Amino acid sequence: MALVRKEIKICMGSSCFSRGNRQTLQLIQKYLKDHQLERDVILKGNHCFGNCSAGPVVTIGTKVYEQVNQEGILEILDQEFGER
């Protein structure tokens, strides 16, 4: 049975990037490495999701997370991937 890899997309558009997604990206990368999820998760940057007023925006699978900050992303990742 093939493993279905979850996909994280992080907005790297200028509005989200200037409001903290640079640091959020670094936290996601560290989380994936620390939890040995690098092979199970696809991490992609997107130029813009089109809802800048709700940014910073991150999607995981089909879920859209808005107004993501550095404190909130770790909680979101724990919810999505659980403690291993």
Protein backbone atom coordinates (compact mmCIF):
# COMPACT_ATOMS: atom_id res chain seq x y z
CA MET A 1 0.00 0.00 0.00
CA ALA A 2 1.46 3.35 -1.03
CA LEU A 3 2.05 6.00 1.60
CA VAL A 4 0.02 9.16 1.04
CA ARG A 5 2.24 12.11 1.80
CA LYS A 6 0.65 15.14 3.40
CA GLU A 7 1.42 18.47 1.77
CA ILE A 8 2.11 21.76 3.52
CA LYS A 9 1.91 24.93 1.44
CA ILE A 10 3.10 28.19 2.91
CA CYS A 11 2.36 31.54 1.31
CA MET A 12 5.54 33.36 0.38
CA GLY A 13 3.76 36.36 -1.14
CA SER A 14 5.05 39.73 0.04
CA SER A 15 2.21 40.39 2.49
CA CYS A 16 2.43 37.02 4.31
CA PHE A 17 6.21 36.99 4.08
CA SER A 18 6.51 40.44 5.68
CA ARG A 19 4.08 39.41 8.44
CA GLY A 20 6.16 36.46 9.57
CA ASN A 21 5.99 33.55 7.17
CA ARG A 22 9.78 33.61 6.80
CA GLN A 23 10.11 32.59 10.45
CA THR A 24 7.13 30.24 10.17
CA LEU A 25 8.84 28.46 7.27
CA GLN A 26 11.96 27.95 9.37
CA LEU A 27 9.88 26.56 12.25
CA ILE A 28 8.07 24.14 9.93
CA GLN A 29 11.37 22.91 8.49
CA LYS A 30 12.79 22.38 11.98
CA TYR A 31 9.62 20.62 13.17
CA LEU A 32 9.67 18.23 10.22
CA LYS A 33 13.34 17.44 10.83
CA ASP A 34 12.98 17.06 14.61
CA HIS A 35 10.00 14.69 14.21
CA GLN A 36 11.53 12.73 11.30
CA LEU A 37 8.70 13.77 9.00
CA GLU A 38 10.80 15.03 6.09
CA ARG A 39 10.03 11.91 4.00
CA ASP A 40 6.33 11.89 4.91
CA VAL A 41 5.53 15.54 4.23
CA ILE A 42 5.90 17.66 1.10
CA LEU A 43 6.68 21.30 1.94
CA LYS A 44 6.04 23.87 -0.78
CA GLY A 45 6.11 27.64 -0.99
CA ASN A 46 3.28 29.36 -2.85
CA HIS A 47 3.43 32.84 -4.29
CA CYS A 48 -0.01 33.90 -3.05
CA PHE A 49 -3.26 32.28 -1.96
CA GLY A 50 -5.29 35.39 -2.77
CA ASN A 51 -6.54 36.13 0.75
CA CYS A 52 -3.84 38.51 1.92
CA SER A 53 -6.05 40.20 4.51
CA ALA A 54 -6.25 36.88 6.39
CA GLY A 55 -2.50 36.20 6.20
CA PRO A 56 -0.10 34.80 6.98
CA VAL A 57 -1.63 31.72 5.36
CA VAL A 58 -0.53 28.07 5.54
CA THR A 59 -2.41 25.07 4.15
CA ILE A 60 -1.97 21.48 5.29
CA GLY A 61 -3.77 19.02 3.07
CA THR A 62 -7.15 20.64 2.41
CA LYS A 63 -7.20 22.73 5.60
CA VAL A 64 -6.45 26.44 5.36
CA TYR A 65 -4.92 28.13 8.39
CA GLU A 66 -5.10 31.92 8.50
CA GLN A 67 -3.28 34.52 10.61
CA VAL A 68 -0.61 31.93 11.41
CA ASN A 69 2.14 33.10 13.73
CA GLN A 70 5.26 31.51 15.13
CA GLU A 71 3.53 30.39 18.33
CA GLY A 72 0.48 29.00 16.54
CA ILE A 73 2.30 26.99 13.87
CA LEU A 74 3.76 24.53 16.37
CA GLU A 75 0.30 23.89 17.82
CA ILE A 76 -1.10 23.40 14.31
CA LEU A 77 1.68 20.96 13.42
CA ASP A 78 1.10 18.98 16.60
CA GLN A 79 -2.63 18.79 15.77
CA GLU A 80 -1.95 17.67 12.22
CA PHE A 81 0.87 15.23 12.86
CA GLY A 82 0.47 14.38 16.53
CA GLU A 83 3.22 13.48 18.89
CA ARG A 84 5.28 10.62 17.49
